[in-house]
Amino acid sequence: MTDGRIISEQQVAQVARLARLALDADEQRRLTDQLNAILTYMEQLNEVPTKDVEPTAHVFDLVNVYRADETRRTLTSGAALSNAPETEQHFFVVPRIVE
């Protein structure tokens, strides 16, 4: 564009209309300025040379931080149910919530 803007107020109005947003003139100007600031910054980022930069998923060299998956003894059904207020045939008994 001739005034150094990347997106015009008319384009913002068109997008707002398509998104069914009711913007007054002040909101439209403010959004146009904000979108132009964002797009100008994106253009700056596009100028950064990235040809020799390897893609990364994370900036730190991370490894799996989970513990090893190993088998071990678990609670027996009797131990799991020992503090239950009511049980029936190795199951917890709870109040009915659906009629």
N, C-alpha and C. Protein backbone atom coordinates (compact mmCIF):
# COMPACT_ATOMS: atom_id res chain seq x y z
N MET A 1 0.84 -1.17 0.00
CA MET A 1 0.00 0.00 0.00
C MET A 1 0.89 1.24 0.00
N THR A 2 0.36 2.34 -0.36
CA THR A 2 1.16 3.55 -0.49
C THR A 2 1.49 4.19 0.85
N ASP A 3 0.67 4.02 1.89
CA ASP A 3 0.95 4.65 3.18
C ASP A 3 1.77 3.76 4.11
N GLY A 4 2.36 2.70 3.59
CA GLY A 4 3.19 1.81 4.40
C GLY A 4 2.39 0.78 5.19
N ARG A 5 1.10 0.76 5.03
CA ARG A 5 0.27 -0.20 5.73
C ARG A 5 0.18 -1.48 4.92
N ILE A 6 0.07 -2.57 5.61
CA ILE A 6 -0.04 -3.87 4.97
C ILE A 6 -1.51 -4.22 4.73
N ILE A 7 -2.34 -3.83 5.68
CA ILE A 7 -3.77 -4.13 5.59
C ILE A 7 -4.53 -2.81 5.75
N SER A 8 -5.58 -2.64 4.99
CA SER A 8 -6.34 -1.39 5.02
C SER A 8 -7.56 -1.51 5.93
N GLU A 9 -8.12 -0.36 6.27
CA GLU A 9 -9.34 -0.35 7.07
C GLU A 9 -10.49 -1.02 6.33
N GLN A 10 -10.48 -0.91 5.01
CA GLN A 10 -11.53 -1.56 4.22
C GLN A 10 -11.41 -3.08 4.31
N GLN A 11 -10.17 -3.57 4.33
CA GLN A 11 -9.97 -5.02 4.45
C GLN A 11 -10.41 -5.50 5.84
N VAL A 12 -10.09 -4.70 6.86
CA VAL A 12 -10.52 -5.06 8.21
C VAL A 12 -12.05 -5.05 8.28
N ALA A 13 -12.67 -4.08 7.67
CA ALA A 13 -14.14 -4.01 7.65
C ALA A 13 -14.72 -5.22 6.94
N GLN A 14 -14.10 -5.65 5.84
CA GLN A 14 -14.58 -6.81 5.09
C GLN A 14 -14.46 -8.09 5.93
N VAL A 15 -13.34 -8.26 6.60
CA VAL A 15 -13.15 -9.45 7.45
C VAL A 15 -14.14 -9.41 8.61
N ALA A 16 -14.34 -8.24 9.19
CA ALA A 16 -15.31 -8.11 10.29
C ALA A 16 -16.71 -8.46 9.81
N ARG A 17 -17.06 -8.01 8.62
CA ARG A 17 -18.38 -8.33 8.07
C ARG A 17 -18.53 -9.83 7.87
N LEU A 18 -17.47 -10.48 7.32
CA LEU A 18 -17.53 -11.93 7.10
C LEU A 18 -17.61 -12.70 8.41
N ALA A 19 -16.96 -12.16 9.45
CA ALA A 19 -16.99 -12.80 10.77
C ALA A 19 -18.23 -12.38 11.57
N ARG A 20 -19.06 -11.55 10.97
CA ARG A 20 -20.27 -11.05 11.60
C ARG A 20 -19.96 -10.30 12.90
N LEU A 21 -18.91 -9.45 12.83
CA LEU A 21 -18.54 -8.60 13.96
C LEU A 21 -18.99 -7.18 13.67
N ALA A 22 -19.62 -6.57 14.63
CA ALA A 22 -20.03 -5.18 14.47
C ALA A 22 -18.96 -4.29 15.08
N LEU A 23 -18.19 -3.62 14.22
CA LEU A 23 -17.12 -2.74 14.68
C LEU A 23 -17.50 -1.29 14.39
N ASP A 24 -17.30 -0.43 15.40
CA ASP A 24 -17.49 0.98 15.10
C ASP A 24 -16.20 1.51 14.48
N ALA A 25 -16.19 2.76 14.05
CA ALA A 25 -15.04 3.32 13.34
C ALA A 25 -13.78 3.31 14.20
N ASP A 26 -13.93 3.59 15.51
CA ASP A 26 -12.77 3.61 16.39
C ASP A 26 -12.17 2.21 16.54
N GLU A 27 -13.02 1.21 16.73
CA GLU A 27 -12.54 -0.18 16.84
C GLU A 27 -11.88 -0.62 15.54
N GLN A 28 -12.46 -0.23 14.43
CA GLN A 28 -11.90 -0.61 13.13
C GLN A 28 -10.51 0.00 12.94
N ARG A 29 -10.33 1.27 13.31
CA ARG A 29 -9.00 1.91 13.21
C ARG A 29 -8.01 1.24 14.15
N ARG A 30 -8.45 0.97 15.39
CA ARG A 30 -7.56 0.34 16.36
C ARG A 30 -7.13 -1.06 15.89
N LEU A 31 -8.07 -1.85 15.40
CA LEU A 31 -7.74 -3.19 14.92
C LEU A 31 -6.85 -3.13 13.69
N THR A 32 -7.08 -2.15 12.82
CA THR A 32 -6.22 -1.99 11.65
C THR A 32 -4.79 -1.69 12.08
N ASP A 33 -4.63 -0.79 13.05
CA ASP A 33 -3.29 -0.47 13.55
C ASP A 33 -2.63 -1.69 14.19
N GLN A 34 -3.40 -2.42 15.00
CA GLN A 34 -2.84 -3.60 15.67
C GLN A 34 -2.45 -4.69 14.66
N LEU A 35 -3.31 -4.93 13.69
CA LEU A 35 -2.99 -5.94 12.68
C LEU A 35 -1.78 -5.53 11.85
N ASN A 36 -1.66 -4.25 11.52
CA ASN A 36 -0.49 -3.78 10.79
C ASN A 36 0.78 -3.93 11.61
N ALA A 37 0.70 -3.68 12.91
CA ALA A 37 1.87 -3.87 13.77
C ALA A 37 2.29 -5.35 13.79
N ILE A 38 1.32 -6.23 13.88
CA ILE A 38 1.62 -7.67 13.89
C ILE A 38 2.22 -8.10 12.56
N LEU A 39 1.61 -7.67 11.46
CA LEU A 39 2.09 -8.08 10.14
C LEU A 39 3.46 -7.47 9.82
N THR A 40 3.72 -6.25 10.30
CA THR A 40 5.04 -5.64 10.11
C THR A 40 6.09 -6.45 10.86
N TYR A 41 5.77 -6.88 12.06
CA TYR A 41 6.70 -7.70 12.83
C TYR A 41 6.93 -9.04 12.14
N MET A 42 5.89 -9.63 11.59
CA MET A 42 6.05 -10.89 10.86
C MET A 42 6.96 -10.70 9.65
N GLU A 43 6.84 -9.56 8.97
CA GLU A 43 7.74 -9.29 7.84
C GLU A 43 9.17 -9.19 8.32
N GLN A 44 9.39 -8.60 9.50
CA GLN A 44 10.74 -8.53 10.06
C GLN A 44 11.26 -9.94 10.33
N LEU A 45 10.43 -10.79 10.88
CA LEU A 45 10.86 -12.17 11.16
C LEU A 45 11.18 -12.92 9.88
N ASN A 46 10.46 -12.63 8.80
CA ASN A 46 10.73 -13.29 7.53
C ASN A 46 12.08 -12.90 6.95
N GLU A 47 12.64 -11.76 7.39
CA GLU A 47 13.94 -11.32 6.89
C GLU A 47 15.11 -12.01 7.61
N VAL A 48 14.85 -12.68 8.71
CA VAL A 48 15.90 -13.35 9.46
C VAL A 48 16.38 -14.55 8.65
N PRO A 49 17.73 -14.67 8.46
CA PRO A 49 18.24 -15.80 7.69
C PRO A 49 18.10 -17.10 8.49
N THR A 50 17.39 -18.06 7.92
CA THR A 50 17.17 -19.33 8.61
C THR A 50 17.64 -20.52 7.78
N LYS A 51 18.39 -20.27 6.74
CA LYS A 51 18.78 -21.35 5.84
C LYS A 51 19.59 -22.43 6.56
N ASP A 52 20.51 -22.03 7.42
CA ASP A 52 21.39 -23.01 8.08
C ASP A 52 20.96 -23.34 9.51
N VAL A 53 19.74 -23.03 9.86
CA VAL A 53 19.25 -23.30 11.21
C VAL A 53 18.43 -24.59 11.17
N GLU A 54 18.83 -25.54 12.02
CA GLU A 54 18.10 -26.81 12.08
C GLU A 54 16.78 -26.61 12.82
N PRO A 55 15.70 -27.20 12.32
CA PRO A 55 14.42 -27.08 13.03
C PRO A 55 14.49 -27.79 14.38
N THR A 56 13.85 -27.20 15.37
CA THR A 56 13.82 -27.81 16.69
C THR A 56 12.40 -27.83 17.21
N ALA A 57 12.13 -28.79 18.06
CA ALA A 57 10.83 -28.84 18.71
C ALA A 57 10.88 -28.09 20.03
N HIS A 58 12.10 -27.92 20.57
CA HIS A 58 12.27 -27.24 21.84
C HIS A 58 13.67 -26.65 21.88
N VAL A 59 13.82 -25.51 22.52
CA VAL A 59 15.13 -24.87 22.54
C VAL A 59 16.12 -25.56 23.47
N PHE A 60 15.62 -26.31 24.44
CA PHE A 60 16.50 -27.02 25.36
C PHE A 60 16.66 -28.47 24.92
N ASP A 61 17.78 -29.04 25.24
CA ASP A 61 18.05 -30.44 24.92
C ASP A 61 17.37 -31.31 25.98
N LEU A 62 16.13 -31.68 25.75
CA LEU A 62 15.37 -32.44 26.73
C LEU A 62 15.39 -33.93 26.41
N VAL A 63 15.31 -34.72 27.45
CA VAL A 63 15.16 -36.17 27.31
C VAL A 63 13.90 -36.57 28.05
N ASN A 64 13.48 -37.79 27.88
CA ASN A 64 12.29 -38.27 28.55
C ASN A 64 12.48 -38.17 30.06
N VAL A 65 11.59 -37.49 30.74
CA VAL A 65 11.72 -37.29 32.17
C VAL A 65 10.83 -38.22 32.98
N TYR A 66 10.17 -39.15 32.33
CA TYR A 66 9.32 -40.09 33.03
C TYR A 66 10.14 -41.21 33.65
N ARG A 67 9.59 -41.79 34.70
CA ARG A 67 10.29 -42.91 35.34
C ARG A 67 10.21 -44.14 34.45
N ALA A 68 11.08 -45.07 34.71
CA ALA A 68 11.07 -46.31 33.94
C ALA A 68 9.78 -47.07 34.23
N ASP A 69 9.23 -47.70 33.23
CA ASP A 69 8.00 -48.47 33.38
C ASP A 69 8.37 -49.85 33.89
N GLU A 70 8.05 -50.11 35.13
CA GLU A 70 8.41 -51.41 35.71
C GLU A 70 7.22 -51.98 36.48
N THR A 71 7.13 -53.28 36.50
CA THR A 71 6.03 -53.92 37.20
C THR A 71 6.34 -53.98 38.68
N ARG A 72 5.30 -53.85 39.48
CA ARG A 72 5.45 -53.98 40.93
C ARG A 72 4.10 -54.36 41.52
N ARG A 73 4.10 -54.75 42.75
CA ARG A 73 2.87 -55.19 43.39
C ARG A 73 1.92 -54.03 43.56
N THR A 74 0.64 -54.32 43.39
CA THR A 74 -0.39 -53.32 43.61
C THR A 74 -1.27 -53.75 44.77
N LEU A 75 -2.25 -52.94 45.07
CA LEU A 75 -3.17 -53.28 46.15
C LEU A 75 -4.01 -54.49 45.78
N THR A 76 -4.28 -55.31 46.75
CA THR A 76 -5.25 -56.38 46.53
C THR A 76 -6.64 -55.74 46.57
N SER A 77 -7.64 -56.43 46.06
CA SER A 77 -8.99 -55.85 46.08
C SER A 77 -9.45 -55.67 47.52
N GLY A 78 -9.06 -56.56 48.41
CA GLY A 78 -9.45 -56.42 49.82
C GLY A 78 -8.83 -55.18 50.45
N ALA A 79 -7.55 -54.90 50.14
CA ALA A 79 -6.89 -53.72 50.69
C ALA A 79 -7.49 -52.44 50.11
N ALA A 80 -7.83 -52.46 48.83
CA ALA A 80 -8.41 -51.28 48.19
C ALA A 80 -9.79 -50.98 48.76
N LEU A 81 -10.54 -52.02 49.10
CA LEU A 81 -11.90 -51.84 49.61
C LEU A 81 -11.96 -51.72 51.12
N SER A 82 -10.84 -51.83 51.80
CA SER A 82 -10.85 -51.89 53.27
C SER A 82 -11.41 -50.64 53.92
N ASN A 83 -11.27 -49.47 53.33
CA ASN A 83 -11.79 -48.24 53.93
C ASN A 83 -13.12 -47.80 53.33
N ALA A 84 -13.66 -48.58 52.42
CA ALA A 84 -14.93 -48.21 51.78
C ALA A 84 -16.05 -48.37 52.79
N PRO A 85 -16.99 -47.40 52.84
CA PRO A 85 -18.10 -47.54 53.79
C PRO A 85 -19.03 -48.70 53.48
N GLU A 86 -19.13 -49.05 52.18
CA GLU A 86 -20.00 -50.16 51.81
C GLU A 86 -19.44 -50.86 50.57
N THR A 87 -19.42 -52.17 50.59
CA THR A 87 -18.93 -52.95 49.45
C THR A 87 -19.89 -54.08 49.16
N GLU A 88 -19.77 -54.61 47.95
CA GLU A 88 -20.60 -55.75 47.57
C GLU A 88 -19.83 -56.55 46.53
N GLN A 89 -19.48 -57.78 46.83
CA GLN A 89 -18.78 -58.69 45.92
C GLN A 89 -17.56 -58.02 45.26
N HIS A 90 -16.67 -57.49 46.07
CA HIS A 90 -15.41 -56.87 45.62
C HIS A 90 -15.61 -55.60 44.79
N PHE A 91 -16.72 -54.87 45.01
CA PHE A 91 -16.98 -53.60 44.33
C PHE A 91 -17.34 -52.54 45.37
N PHE A 92 -17.05 -51.27 45.05
CA PHE A 92 -17.51 -50.16 45.86
C PHE A 92 -19.01 -49.99 45.63
N VAL A 93 -19.77 -49.71 46.69
CA VAL A 93 -21.18 -49.38 46.56
C VAL A 93 -21.31 -47.88 46.76
N VAL A 94 -21.90 -47.20 45.77
CA VAL A 94 -22.07 -45.75 45.84
C VAL A 94 -23.55 -45.42 45.65
N PRO A 95 -23.96 -44.22 46.11
CA PRO A 95 -25.37 -43.85 45.94
C PRO A 95 -25.71 -43.71 44.45
N ARG A 96 -26.92 -44.10 44.11
CA ARG A 96 -27.39 -43.98 42.73
C ARG A 96 -27.66 -42.51 42.42
N ILE A 97 -27.16 -42.02 41.29
CA ILE A 97 -27.38 -40.62 40.92
C ILE A 97 -28.24 -40.48 39.68
N VAL A 98 -28.47 -41.57 38.97
CA VAL A 98 -29.30 -41.53 37.77
C VAL A 98 -30.53 -42.38 38.04
N GLU A 99 -31.68 -41.82 37.82
CA GLU A 99 -32.92 -42.56 38.05
C GLU A 99 -33.27 -43.41 36.86
